[in-house]
Amino acid sequence: MPIIEPVIRPPAEAESFLLQITCGCSSNHCTFCGAYLNKPFRVKAENEIVKDIRQGVMLYPHTRKVFLIDGDALVLGNKMLIPLLDQINSSFPKLKRISSYANGYNIINRSAVELKELFSRKLNLIYIGLESGNQQILDQCNKKSTVEQMILAVRNAADAGIKSSVIVLLGLGGKKFAKAHVEETIIALNKMQPRFLSFLSLILIPGTALYDQEKQGGFEQLNSWELLEQTSDILSGLELEQTIFRTNHASNYLPLEGRLPQDKDYLLTILKQALAGKINLRPEIFRGL
């Protein structure tokens, strides 16, 4: 079953069957993202996808979770996507969940009926990269979805029963916009009320526009301590009612996991201890002052 590399997936999809729907991302212009730099976007042919499903059944007949790759599977309209979801459901008798990355505009461009069609076929989790709640930061990064679009996308998905896992990129505003990044990300997340929330730390990747910008002196990235402070500052302002929070991505210096709001004080205590030097950070990715 050929998969066109490179492929990325969230940590939570480690045991999922990866089904390639698109190659690359239709919004492959974000200055910080190097995931699909040399991978032109295209939608795979339906017969290719169906063939992959059939081969997947033979290799992994007990599949319980399917993750649609690459970065933009939901760019497909329901007319093409629904038959594929039906094929997945009929092929894997033990299937519990289908999930996918999603851009905000791919969700808000669907009607409530269309979103419920996806949910009824077990597509019940989407991963959305908010990155920052500050629109100026997103504009500078060429992010295609706006803050308001992504807030609306999470709300519309929730109304249809689809859970959202929202991703925040610590340090994306650099030192210049650090305060705005914190303050407006808090506002956006509190409006979203996502079921899952993950913080990743910005890593500048050679070949990306933001990497070049930093080399030319146009962007000053945060150090390890400042990223931890930003984690603590955003977490402090969150008023979430039912969210699972994680910083378990490989980019992070301190892996955390808890439920909000009940574990908020505990998580903040751990962060305080880390900032006081009482907890060892991941040495392989640590950047000191």
Protein backbone atom coordinates (compact mmCIF):
# COMPACT_ATOMS: atom_id res chain seq x y z
CA MET A 1 0.00 0.00 0.00
CA PRO A 2 2.05 2.99 -1.24
CA ILE A 3 2.03 6.18 0.83
CA ILE A 4 3.64 9.27 -0.62
CA GLU A 5 6.11 10.60 1.94
CA PRO A 6 6.69 12.60 4.03
CA VAL A 7 3.73 11.95 6.32
CA ILE A 8 2.92 13.54 9.66
CA ARG A 9 0.25 12.70 12.21
CA PRO A 10 -0.71 13.80 15.73
CA PRO A 11 0.72 11.78 18.65
CA ALA A 12 -2.79 10.58 19.51
CA GLU A 13 -3.01 8.80 16.12
CA ALA A 14 -0.03 6.52 16.76
CA GLU A 15 -2.16 3.38 16.51
CA SER A 16 -4.46 4.56 13.73
CA PHE A 17 -4.56 3.25 10.17
CA LEU A 18 -3.25 6.11 8.02
CA LEU A 19 -5.32 6.51 4.87
CA GLN A 20 -3.96 9.01 2.36
CA ILE A 21 -6.73 11.10 0.84
CA THR A 22 -4.69 14.06 -0.37
CA CYS A 23 -1.00 14.60 -0.94
CA GLY A 24 0.31 17.71 0.76
CA CYS A 25 -1.84 20.62 1.90
CA SER A 26 -3.97 23.02 -0.13
CA SER A 27 -2.82 25.83 2.18
CA ASN A 28 0.90 25.15 1.93
CA HIS A 29 1.98 28.77 2.41
CA CYS A 30 2.42 29.09 6.19
CA THR A 31 5.85 30.60 6.84
CA PHE A 32 6.56 28.34 9.83
CA CYS A 33 5.54 25.00 8.33
CA GLY A 34 7.98 22.69 6.58
CA ALA A 35 5.80 19.59 6.52
CA TYR A 36 5.03 19.67 2.80
CA LEU A 37 7.68 21.96 1.34
CA ASN A 38 8.53 19.65 -1.56
CA LYS A 39 5.18 17.93 -1.85
CA PRO A 40 2.80 19.55 -4.36
CA PHE A 41 -0.83 19.37 -3.35
CA ARG A 42 -3.19 17.02 -5.12
CA VAL A 43 -6.27 14.98 -4.32
CA LYS A 44 -5.69 11.28 -4.81
CA ALA A 45 -7.91 9.53 -7.33
CA GLU A 46 -10.90 7.75 -5.85
CA ASN A 47 -9.79 4.38 -7.23
CA GLU A 48 -6.39 4.85 -5.57
CA ILE A 49 -8.03 5.51 -2.20
CA VAL A 50 -10.41 2.57 -2.50
CA LYS A 51 -7.49 0.31 -3.38
CA ASP A 52 -5.64 1.52 -0.27
CA ILE A 53 -8.70 0.78 1.88
CA ARG A 54 -8.93 -2.77 0.53
CA GLN A 55 -5.24 -3.39 1.13
CA GLY A 56 -5.59 -1.91 4.61
CA VAL A 57 -8.34 -4.37 5.43
CA MET A 58 -6.06 -7.27 4.52
CA LEU A 59 -3.14 -5.90 6.56
CA TYR A 60 -5.05 -4.47 9.53
CA PRO A 61 -8.47 -6.18 9.73
CA HIS A 62 -8.98 -5.21 13.38
CA THR A 63 -8.53 -1.48 12.80
CA ARG A 64 -10.45 0.64 15.30
CA LYS A 65 -9.21 4.11 14.28
CA VAL A 66 -8.55 5.63 10.85
CA PHE A 67 -6.69 8.91 10.37
CA LEU A 68 -7.08 10.65 7.03
CA ILE A 69 -3.85 12.13 5.68
CA ASP A 70 -2.23 14.37 4.43
CA GLY A 71 -2.77 17.84 5.82
CA ASP A 72 -6.05 18.66 4.14
CA ALA A 73 -8.31 15.66 3.58
CA LEU A 74 -11.44 17.70 4.29
CA VAL A 75 -10.77 19.88 1.27
CA LEU A 76 -12.84 17.18 -0.47
CA GLY A 77 -16.51 18.03 -0.66
CA ASN A 78 -19.05 15.67 0.86
CA LYS A 79 -20.02 14.41 -2.60
CA MET A 80 -16.66 12.63 -2.86
CA LEU A 81 -15.90 12.20 0.83
CA ILE A 82 -19.12 10.51 1.95
CA PRO A 83 -18.73 7.44 -0.35
CA LEU A 84 -15.16 7.03 0.93
CA LEU A 85 -16.30 7.22 4.54
CA ASP A 86 -19.01 4.64 3.76
CA GLN A 87 -16.32 2.40 2.24
CA ILE A 88 -14.16 2.75 5.35
CA ASN A 89 -17.06 1.95 7.67
CA SER A 90 -18.14 -1.11 5.72
CA SER A 91 -14.55 -2.38 5.44
CA PHE A 92 -13.52 -2.21 9.10
CA PRO A 93 -16.16 -3.88 11.32
CA LYS A 94 -14.44 -2.80 14.56
CA LEU A 95 -14.07 0.84 13.54
CA LYS A 96 -14.75 3.35 16.32
CA ARG A 97 -13.40 6.62 14.95
CA ILE A 98 -12.30 8.47 11.83
CA SER A 99 -10.29 11.66 12.28
CA SER A 100 -8.52 14.21 10.12
CA TYR A 101 -6.63 17.48 10.05
CA ALA A 102 -8.91 20.34 9.04
CA ASN A 103 -8.57 23.95 7.98
CA GLY A 104 -11.12 26.32 9.45
CA TYR A 105 -12.58 27.28 6.08
CA ASN A 106 -13.17 23.63 5.17
CA ILE A 107 -15.49 23.34 8.16
CA ILE A 108 -17.38 26.65 7.95
CA ASN A 109 -18.00 26.13 4.24
CA ARG A 110 -20.04 23.06 5.13
CA SER A 111 -23.65 23.30 6.23
CA ALA A 112 -24.88 21.87 9.51
CA VAL A 113 -26.42 19.00 7.54
CA GLU A 114 -23.13 18.25 5.79
CA LEU A 115 -21.22 18.21 9.09
CA LYS A 116 -23.78 15.85 10.59
CA GLU A 117 -23.34 13.60 7.56
CA LEU A 118 -19.65 13.33 8.43
CA PHE A 119 -20.37 12.66 12.10
CA SER A 120 -22.93 9.96 11.30
CA ARG A 121 -20.15 8.14 9.43
CA LYS A 122 -17.84 8.21 12.47
CA LEU A 123 -15.74 11.19 11.43
CA ASN A 124 -15.94 12.56 14.95
CA LEU A 125 -12.57 14.23 15.55
CA ILE A 126 -10.77 17.01 13.67
CA TYR A 127 -7.38 18.61 14.36
CA ILE A 128 -7.29 22.37 13.79
CA GLY A 129 -4.14 24.49 13.96
CA LEU A 130 -5.20 27.74 15.57
CA GLU A 131 -1.48 28.50 16.08
CA SER A 132 -2.28 31.95 17.54
CA GLY A 133 -5.34 33.95 18.48
CA ASN A 134 -3.72 37.12 17.16
CA GLN A 135 -4.78 37.88 13.59
CA GLN A 136 -1.72 40.01 12.83
CA ILE A 137 0.57 37.09 13.68
CA LEU A 138 -1.46 34.78 11.44
CA ASP A 139 -1.42 37.30 8.60
CA GLN A 140 2.36 37.61 8.84
CA CYS A 141 2.60 33.81 8.73
CA ASN A 142 0.30 33.57 5.66
CA LYS A 143 -2.19 31.46 7.58
CA LYS A 144 -5.20 31.04 5.29
CA SER A 145 -7.89 30.58 7.95
CA THR A 146 -8.64 33.59 10.13
CA VAL A 147 -9.04 33.48 13.91
CA GLU A 148 -12.78 34.05 13.64
CA GLN A 149 -13.13 31.33 11.00
CA MET A 150 -11.38 28.84 13.24
CA ILE A 151 -13.48 29.79 16.27
CA LEU A 152 -16.63 29.32 14.20
CA ALA A 153 -15.32 26.05 12.76
CA VAL A 154 -14.81 24.53 16.22
CA ARG A 155 -18.26 25.67 17.32
CA ASN A 156 -19.99 24.42 14.18
CA ALA A 157 -18.21 21.07 14.43
CA ALA A 158 -19.26 20.74 18.09
CA ASP A 159 -22.89 21.44 17.17
CA ALA A 160 -22.70 18.47 14.78
CA GLY A 161 -21.13 16.24 17.45
CA ILE A 162 -17.59 16.46 16.03
CA LYS A 163 -14.87 17.04 18.61
CA SER A 164 -11.97 19.37 17.90
CA SER A 165 -8.35 19.06 18.92
CA VAL A 166 -6.93 22.57 18.71
CA ILE A 167 -3.21 23.21 18.29
CA VAL A 168 -1.41 26.30 19.62
CA LEU A 169 2.13 27.10 18.49
CA LEU A 170 4.10 28.57 21.39
CA GLY A 171 6.52 31.29 20.37
CA LEU A 172 4.92 31.99 17.00
CA GLY A 173 4.75 35.72 17.69
CA GLY A 174 8.43 35.86 18.54
CA LYS A 175 9.52 38.33 21.20
CA LYS A 176 7.89 41.30 19.48
CA PHE A 177 4.36 39.89 19.63
CA ALA A 178 4.73 37.58 22.63
CA LYS A 179 2.23 39.49 24.78
CA ALA A 180 -0.37 39.74 22.02
CA HIS A 181 0.09 36.04 21.24
CA VAL A 182 -0.70 35.11 24.83
CA GLU A 183 -3.60 37.48 25.40
CA GLU A 184 -5.49 36.86 22.19
CA THR A 185 -4.86 33.11 22.14
CA ILE A 186 -6.54 32.94 25.54
CA ILE A 187 -9.55 34.82 24.17
CA ALA A 188 -9.84 32.56 21.11
CA LEU A 189 -9.54 29.33 23.09
CA ASN A 190 -12.13 30.42 25.64
CA LYS A 191 -14.54 31.11 22.78
CA MET A 192 -13.76 27.78 21.12
CA GLN A 193 -14.08 25.53 24.18
CA PRO A 194 -12.25 22.68 22.37
CA ARG A 195 -12.53 19.10 23.60
CA PHE A 196 -8.76 18.66 23.21
CA LEU A 197 -5.98 21.24 23.34
CA SER A 198 -2.30 20.78 22.50
CA PHE A 199 0.59 23.20 22.78
CA LEU A 200 3.56 22.75 20.42
CA SER A 201 6.76 24.78 20.53
CA LEU A 202 7.94 26.67 17.47
CA ILE A 203 10.99 25.12 15.83
CA LEU A 204 12.44 27.02 12.91
CA ILE A 205 12.85 24.66 9.96
CA PRO A 206 15.45 25.27 7.21
CA GLY A 207 13.73 26.05 3.94
CA THR A 208 10.79 27.87 5.51
CA ALA A 209 10.22 31.60 5.14
CA LEU A 210 10.23 32.13 8.91
CA TYR A 211 13.63 30.43 9.19
CA ASP A 212 15.01 32.82 6.58
CA GLN A 213 13.37 35.75 8.32
CA GLU A 214 15.07 34.87 11.60
CA LYS A 215 18.46 34.55 9.89
CA GLN A 216 18.00 38.01 8.42
CA GLY A 217 17.16 39.51 11.82
CA GLY A 218 13.45 39.97 11.17
CA PHE A 219 12.26 37.49 13.79
CA GLU A 220 13.54 36.90 17.33
CA GLN A 221 12.49 33.55 18.72
CA LEU A 222 11.79 32.80 22.36
CA ASN A 223 14.22 30.75 24.43
CA SER A 224 13.24 27.70 26.47
CA TRP A 225 12.36 29.61 29.61
CA GLU A 226 10.24 32.09 27.71
CA LEU A 227 8.35 29.26 26.01
CA LEU A 228 7.61 27.73 29.41
CA GLU A 229 6.48 31.11 30.69
CA GLN A 230 4.21 31.44 27.68
CA THR A 231 2.75 28.01 28.40
CA SER A 232 2.04 29.07 31.98
CA ASP A 233 0.63 32.47 30.98
CA ILE A 234 -1.81 31.03 28.43
CA LEU A 235 -2.86 28.21 30.73
CA SER A 236 -3.47 30.69 33.56
CA GLY A 237 -6.01 32.61 31.49
CA LEU A 238 -8.00 29.66 30.18
CA GLU A 239 -11.58 29.20 31.33
CA LEU A 240 -12.38 25.89 29.69
CA GLU A 241 -15.25 23.72 30.80
CA GLN A 242 -14.29 20.27 29.52
CA THR A 243 -10.92 20.00 27.79
CA ILE A 244 -8.08 17.49 27.77
CA PHE A 245 -4.82 19.46 27.68
CA ARG A 246 -1.48 18.12 26.46
CA THR A 247 2.06 19.28 25.71
CA ASN A 248 3.30 15.82 24.72
CA HIS A 249 4.64 16.74 21.27
CA ALA A 250 8.35 16.12 20.63
CA SER A 251 8.92 19.87 20.25
CA ASN A 252 8.01 20.61 23.85
CA TYR A 253 10.44 20.90 26.72
CA LEU A 254 8.06 19.71 29.42
CA PRO A 255 5.44 17.03 28.70
CA LEU A 256 2.18 17.76 30.52
CA GLU A 257 -1.29 16.25 30.45
CA GLY A 258 -4.42 16.99 32.42
CA ARG A 259 -8.09 17.82 32.34
CA LEU A 260 -9.31 21.37 32.47
CA PRO A 261 -10.51 22.96 34.61
CA GLN A 262 -9.94 20.41 37.39
CA ASP A 263 -6.17 19.94 36.83
CA LYS A 264 -5.35 23.56 36.03
CA ASP A 265 -3.79 24.43 39.39
CA TYR A 266 -1.74 21.23 39.39
CA LEU A 267 -0.40 21.92 35.88
CA LEU A 268 0.49 25.48 36.81
CA THR A 269 2.34 24.19 39.86
CA ILE A 270 4.42 21.85 37.71
CA LEU A 271 5.24 24.74 35.36
CA LYS A 272 6.23 26.91 38.30
CA GLN A 273 8.58 24.21 39.53
CA ALA A 274 10.08 23.84 36.05
CA LEU A 275 10.67 27.57 35.80
CA ALA A 276 12.35 27.47 39.20
CA GLY A 277 14.74 24.78 37.93
CA LYS A 278 13.28 22.03 40.10
CA ILE A 279 12.28 19.81 37.16
CA ASN A 280 14.59 18.61 34.40
CA LEU A 281 13.54 19.55 30.89
CA ARG A 282 14.13 17.39 27.82
CA PRO A 283 17.88 17.91 27.30
CA GLU A 284 17.93 16.92 23.64
CA ILE A 285 15.83 19.92 22.63
CA PHE A 286 16.59 22.37 25.42
CA ARG A 287 17.64 25.87 24.43
CA GLY A 288 19.04 27.82 27.38
CA LEU A 289 19.11 31.56 27.91
